[in-house]
Amino acid sequence: LSVKSISASGDNGNPASYAIDNNLSTRWSEDGVGSWITADLGTRNTVCSISIAWYMGSDRVYSFSIATSSDGSNYITQYSGKSSGTTTNSETYNFYDTNARYLKITVNGNTQNTFASISELDIFGSYSSDLTSPTIAITSPSAGSTVAAGSIAAKGTASDNNGGGTG
């Protein structure tokens, strides 16, 4: 899922934007137990997992939690645990599908110090198929019209529960 904006409790010269720049050589970091980073998806989405590449993730085990929110104020913890401590590549953390706009990762230190350091953060949603058939109405030519053989220009409207339009 696309992150529209990102914020954090602070940084030590490594801003939150570095956690979503697709560059494992940069990172967001902040010293202090309880440091957090929050991603805003812009709209509510069905979210089912996130991947985190931890800075020095093959040398440190990070303690953290993942929480989601629809309004940016009231958060529900979806996952709480520890990183593996075995890789600098992304690790995926799954949780039940939830409808959310905001995701907050709170880091409670690591096995070497009290820093929170995330090299990359990716958020994933689940796909649900659209099972509602669209409605279609022909507006031109009108019902019962007689038309000459050949090409016919038709106009109409179509819509469904995911949007609509004319054409």
C-alpha atoms as a PDB file:
ATOM      1  CA  LEU A   1       0.000   0.000   0.000  1.00  0.00           C
ATOM      2  CA  SER A   2       1.133   3.528  -0.681  1.00  0.00           C
ATOM      3  CA  VAL A   3       2.152   5.703   2.269  1.00  0.00           C
ATOM      4  CA  LYS A   4       0.894   9.283   1.822  1.00  0.00           C
ATOM      5  CA  SER A   5       2.836  10.744   4.748  1.00  0.00           C
ATOM      6  CA  ILE A   6       5.003   9.578   7.603  1.00  0.00           C
ATOM      7  CA  SER A   7       5.817  11.063  10.997  1.00  0.00           C
ATOM      8  CA  ALA A   8       7.743  10.048  14.076  1.00  0.00           C
ATOM      9  CA  SER A   9       8.205  10.888  17.733  1.00  0.00           C
ATOM     10  CA  GLY A  10      11.523  12.432  16.716  1.00  0.00           C
ATOM     11  CA  ASP A  11      14.798  11.595  15.038  1.00  0.00           C
ATOM     12  CA  ASN A  12      18.513  11.938  15.634  1.00  0.00           C
ATOM     13  CA  GLY A  13      19.281  13.268  12.156  1.00  0.00           C
ATOM     14  CA  ASN A  14      17.719  10.295  10.360  1.00  0.00           C
ATOM     15  CA  PRO A  15      14.160  11.465   9.539  1.00  0.00           C
ATOM     16  CA  ALA A  16      11.040   9.307   9.256  1.00  0.00           C
ATOM     17  CA  SER A  17      10.985   9.744   5.467  1.00  0.00           C
ATOM     18  CA  TYR A  18      14.120   7.586   5.244  1.00  0.00           C
ATOM     19  CA  ALA A  19      12.043   4.555   6.352  1.00  0.00           C
ATOM     20  CA  ILE A  20      10.023   4.687   3.111  1.00  0.00           C
ATOM     21  CA  ASP A  21      12.636   5.787   0.548  1.00  0.00           C
ATOM     22  CA  ASN A  22      13.366   2.259  -0.816  1.00  0.00           C
ATOM     23  CA  ASN A  23      16.998   2.598   0.221  1.00  0.00           C
ATOM     24  CA  LEU A  24      18.431   0.140   2.756  1.00  0.00           C
ATOM     25  CA  SER A  25      21.429   2.466   3.245  1.00  0.00           C
ATOM     26  CA  THR A  26      19.237   5.070   4.993  1.00  0.00           C
ATOM     27  CA  ARG A  27      17.123   4.744   8.120  1.00  0.00           C
ATOM     28  CA  TRP A  28      14.792   6.467  10.529  1.00  0.00           C
ATOM     29  CA  SER A  29      16.217   6.418  14.028  1.00  0.00           C
ATOM     30  CA  GLU A  30      15.372   7.868  17.416  1.00  0.00           C
ATOM     31  CA  ASP A  31      16.853   7.200  20.838  1.00  0.00           C
ATOM     32  CA  GLY A  32      14.476   6.241  23.597  1.00  0.00           C
ATOM     33  CA  VAL A  33      12.225   3.410  24.658  1.00  0.00           C
ATOM     34  CA  GLY A  34       8.744   4.028  23.267  1.00  0.00           C
ATOM     35  CA  SER A  35       9.928   5.852  20.134  1.00  0.00           C
ATOM     36  CA  TRP A  36       7.360   5.563  17.357  1.00  0.00           C
ATOM     37  CA  ILE A  37       6.872   6.058  13.639  1.00  0.00           C
ATOM     38  CA  THR A  38       3.427   6.462  12.057  1.00  0.00           C
ATOM     39  CA  ALA A  39       2.458   5.911   8.421  1.00  0.00           C
ATOM     40  CA  ASP A  40      -0.652   7.607   7.009  1.00  0.00           C
ATOM     41  CA  LEU A  41      -2.185   5.742   4.059  1.00  0.00           C
ATOM     42  CA  GLY A  42      -4.395   8.727   3.183  1.00  0.00           C
ATOM     43  CA  THR A  43      -7.604   6.672   3.261  1.00  0.00           C
ATOM     44  CA  ARG A  44      -8.816   3.583   5.082  1.00  0.00           C
ATOM     45  CA  ASN A  45      -7.548   0.319   3.599  1.00  0.00           C
ATOM     46  CA  THR A  46      -7.676  -3.326   4.534  1.00  0.00           C
ATOM     47  CA  VAL A  47      -4.242  -3.949   6.068  1.00  0.00           C
ATOM     48  CA  CYS A  48      -2.924  -7.440   6.836  1.00  0.00           C
ATOM     49  CA  SER A  49       0.861  -7.219   7.335  1.00  0.00           C
ATOM     50  CA  ILE A  50       3.929  -5.034   7.350  1.00  0.00           C
ATOM     51  CA  SER A  51       7.562  -5.685   6.511  1.00  0.00           C
ATOM     52  CA  ILE A  52      10.367  -4.012   8.405  1.00  0.00           C
ATOM     53  CA  ALA A  53      14.057  -4.005   7.546  1.00  0.00           C
ATOM     54  CA  TRP A  54      15.717  -3.255  10.888  1.00  0.00           C
ATOM     55  CA  TYR A  55      18.963  -1.274  10.981  1.00  0.00           C
ATOM     56  CA  MET A  56      21.725  -3.696  12.034  1.00  0.00           C
ATOM     57  CA  GLY A  57      18.988  -6.324  12.164  1.00  0.00           C
ATOM     58  CA  SER A  58      21.491  -9.196  12.056  1.00  0.00           C
ATOM     59  CA  ASP A  59      23.178  -7.908  15.240  1.00  0.00           C
ATOM     60  CA  ARG A  60      20.218  -6.651  17.279  1.00  0.00           C
ATOM     61  CA  VAL A  61      16.830  -7.961  18.347  1.00  0.00           C
ATOM     62  CA  TYR A  62      14.255  -5.180  18.469  1.00  0.00           C
ATOM     63  CA  SER A  63      11.195  -5.230  20.752  1.00  0.00           C
ATOM     64  CA  PHE A  64       8.214  -3.503  19.144  1.00  0.00           C
ATOM     65  CA  SER A  65       4.479  -3.324  18.619  1.00  0.00           C
ATOM     66  CA  ILE A  66       2.294  -2.509  15.606  1.00  0.00           C
ATOM     67  CA  ALA A  67      -0.972  -0.638  16.100  1.00  0.00           C
ATOM     68  CA  THR A  68      -3.617   0.557  13.643  1.00  0.00           C
ATOM     69  CA  SER A  69      -6.096   3.420  13.692  1.00  0.00           C
ATOM     70  CA  SER A  70      -8.841   4.883  11.529  1.00  0.00           C
ATOM     71  CA  ASP A  71      -8.657   8.369  13.038  1.00  0.00           C
ATOM     72  CA  GLY A  72      -5.001   8.815  14.048  1.00  0.00           C
ATOM     73  CA  SER A  73      -5.906   9.090  17.746  1.00  0.00           C
ATOM     74  CA  ASN A  74      -7.333   5.766  18.879  1.00  0.00           C
ATOM     75  CA  TYR A  75      -4.988   2.855  18.167  1.00  0.00           C
ATOM     76  CA  ILE A  76      -5.487  -0.891  18.523  1.00  0.00           C
ATOM     77  CA  THR A  77      -2.426  -3.113  18.936  1.00  0.00           C
ATOM     78  CA  GLN A  78      -2.350  -5.705  16.147  1.00  0.00           C
ATOM     79  CA  TYR A  79       1.053  -7.270  16.850  1.00  0.00           C
ATOM     80  CA  SER A  80       3.627  -7.247  19.606  1.00  0.00           C
ATOM     81  CA  GLY A  81       6.909  -9.106  19.488  1.00  0.00           C
ATOM     82  CA  LYS A  82      10.576  -9.115  18.611  1.00  0.00           C
ATOM     83  CA  SER A  83      12.594  -9.059  15.417  1.00  0.00           C
ATOM     84  CA  SER A  84      14.634 -12.172  14.602  1.00  0.00           C
ATOM     85  CA  GLY A  85      18.051 -10.576  15.070  1.00  0.00           C
ATOM     86  CA  THR A  86      19.324 -12.615  12.104  1.00  0.00           C
ATOM     87  CA  THR A  87      18.901 -10.384   9.027  1.00  0.00           C
ATOM     88  CA  THR A  88      19.131  -6.848   7.678  1.00  0.00           C
ATOM     89  CA  ASN A  89      16.528  -7.774   5.034  1.00  0.00           C
ATOM     90  CA  SER A  90      12.827  -7.145   5.561  1.00  0.00           C
ATOM     91  CA  GLU A  91      10.942  -9.311   8.020  1.00  0.00           C
ATOM     92  CA  THR A  92       7.170  -9.672   7.584  1.00  0.00           C
ATOM     93  CA  TYR A  93       4.769  -9.460  10.502  1.00  0.00           C
ATOM     94  CA  ASN A  94       1.230 -10.713   9.790  1.00  0.00           C
ATOM     95  CA  PHE A  95      -1.950  -9.898  11.667  1.00  0.00           C
ATOM     96  CA  TYR A  96      -5.689 -10.224  11.082  1.00  0.00           C
ATOM     97  CA  ASP A  97      -7.104  -8.071   8.283  1.00  0.00           C
ATOM     98  CA  THR A  98      -8.099  -4.721   9.702  1.00  0.00           C
ATOM     99  CA  ASN A  99      -9.529  -1.565   8.187  1.00  0.00           C
ATOM    100  CA  ALA A 100      -7.155   1.310   8.987  1.00  0.00           C
ATOM    101  CA  ARG A 101      -5.683   4.539   7.711  1.00  0.00           C
ATOM    102  CA  TYR A 102      -2.762   4.828  10.147  1.00  0.00           C
ATOM    103  CA  LEU A 103      -0.128   2.330  11.283  1.00  0.00           C
ATOM    104  CA  LYS A 104       2.126   3.045  14.236  1.00  0.00           C
ATOM    105  CA  ILE A 105       5.244   1.056  15.078  1.00  0.00           C
ATOM    106  CA  THR A 106       6.417   1.623  18.644  1.00  0.00           C
ATOM    107  CA  VAL A 107       9.961   0.426  19.393  1.00  0.00           C
ATOM    108  CA  ASN A 108      10.973  -0.422  22.939  1.00  0.00           C
ATOM    109  CA  GLY A 109      14.708  -0.658  22.371  1.00  0.00           C
ATOM    110  CA  ASN A 110      16.897  -3.494  21.205  1.00  0.00           C
ATOM    111  CA  THR A 111      19.432  -5.886  22.664  1.00  0.00           C
ATOM    112  CA  GLN A 112      22.281  -3.333  22.346  1.00  0.00           C
ATOM    113  CA  ASN A 113      20.707   0.031  23.259  1.00  0.00           C
ATOM    114  CA  THR A 114      17.485   2.047  23.466  1.00  0.00           C
ATOM    115  CA  PHE A 115      17.439   3.142  19.807  1.00  0.00           C
ATOM    116  CA  ALA A 116      14.626   2.570  17.331  1.00  0.00           C
ATOM    117  CA  SER A 117      16.121   2.204  13.835  1.00  0.00           C
ATOM    118  CA  ILE A 118      14.112   1.155  10.761  1.00  0.00           C
ATOM    119  CA  SER A 119      15.812   1.016   7.353  1.00  0.00           C
ATOM    120  CA  GLU A 120      12.637   0.252   5.384  1.00  0.00           C
ATOM    121  CA  LEU A 121       8.943  -0.110   6.118  1.00  0.00           C
ATOM    122  CA  ASP A 122       6.353  -1.599   3.743  1.00  0.00           C
ATOM    123  CA  ILE A 123       2.627  -2.013   4.403  1.00  0.00           C
ATOM    124  CA  PHE A 124       0.488  -4.658   2.731  1.00  0.00           C
ATOM    125  CA  GLY A 125      -3.252  -4.961   2.239  1.00  0.00           C
ATOM    126  CA  SER A 126      -5.452  -7.877   1.389  1.00  0.00           C
ATOM    127  CA  TYR A 127      -7.412  -8.135  -1.818  1.00  0.00           C
ATOM    128  CA  SER A 128     -11.139  -8.664  -1.728  1.00  0.00           C
ATOM    129  CA  SER A 129     -12.918  -9.258  -5.002  1.00  0.00           C
ATOM    130  CA  ASP A 130     -15.898  -7.178  -6.083  1.00  0.00           C
ATOM    131  CA  LEU A 131     -18.828  -9.594  -6.298  1.00  0.00           C
ATOM    132  CA  THR A 132     -21.515  -6.950  -6.985  1.00  0.00           C
ATOM    133  CA  SER A 133     -22.581  -6.759 -10.637  1.00  0.00           C
ATOM    134  CA  PRO A 134     -22.702  -3.281 -12.168  1.00  0.00           C
ATOM    135  CA  THR A 135     -25.917  -1.665 -13.391  1.00  0.00           C
ATOM    136  CA  ILE A 136     -26.019  -0.495 -17.005  1.00  0.00           C
ATOM    137  CA  ALA A 137     -28.587   1.737 -18.772  1.00  0.00           C
ATOM    138  CA  ILE A 138     -28.547   2.629 -22.490  1.00  0.00           C
ATOM    139  CA  THR A 139     -29.721   6.237 -22.959  1.00  0.00           C
ATOM    140  CA  SER A 140     -29.271   6.603 -26.724  1.00  0.00           C
ATOM    141  CA  PRO A 141     -30.735   5.350 -28.991  1.00  0.00           C
ATOM    142  CA  SER A 142     -33.930   5.225 -26.938  1.00  0.00           C
ATOM    143  CA  ALA A 143     -35.705   1.941 -26.272  1.00  0.00           C
ATOM    144  CA  GLY A 144     -37.792   0.750 -29.263  1.00  0.00           C
ATOM    145  CA  SER A 145     -35.976   2.989 -31.783  1.00  0.00           C
ATOM    146  CA  THR A 146     -35.410   1.795 -35.321  1.00  0.00           C
ATOM    147  CA  VAL A 147     -31.884   2.338 -36.554  1.00  0.00           C
ATOM    148  CA  ALA A 148     -30.313   1.879 -39.958  1.00  0.00           C
ATOM    149  CA  ALA A 149     -27.869  -0.942 -40.550  1.00  0.00           C
ATOM    150  CA  GLY A 150     -24.220  -0.004 -40.103  1.00  0.00           C
ATOM    151  CA  SER A 151     -22.412   1.762 -37.290  1.00  0.00           C
ATOM    152  CA  ILE A 152     -24.469   2.909 -34.324  1.00  0.00           C
ATOM    153  CA  ALA A 153     -23.331   5.370 -31.641  1.00  0.00           C
ATOM    154  CA  ALA A 154     -24.671   4.297 -28.288  1.00  0.00           C
ATOM    155  CA  LYS A 155     -24.597   6.236 -25.000  1.00  0.00           C
ATOM    156  CA  GLY A 156     -25.321   4.999 -21.553  1.00  0.00           C
ATOM    157  CA  THR A 157     -24.420   4.951 -17.882  1.00  0.00           C
ATOM    158  CA  ALA A 158     -22.890   2.272 -15.741  1.00  0.00           C
ATOM    159  CA  SER A 159     -22.200   2.116 -12.026  1.00  0.00           C
ATOM    160  CA  ASP A 160     -21.510  -0.282  -9.202  1.00  0.00           C
ATOM    161  CA  ASN A 161     -20.700  -0.217  -5.513  1.00  0.00           C
ATOM    162  CA  ASN A 162     -17.070   0.799  -6.247  1.00  0.00           C
ATOM    163  CA  GLY A 163     -17.851   3.852  -8.381  1.00  0.00           C
ATOM    164  CA  GLY A 164     -19.529   4.711 -11.634  1.00  0.00           C
ATOM    165  CA  GLY A 165     -19.387   6.809 -14.720  1.00  0.00           C
ATOM    166  CA  THR A 166     -20.829   7.576 -18.136  1.00  0.00           C
ATOM    167  CA  GLY A 167     -19.616   6.791 -21.602  1.00  0.00           C
END
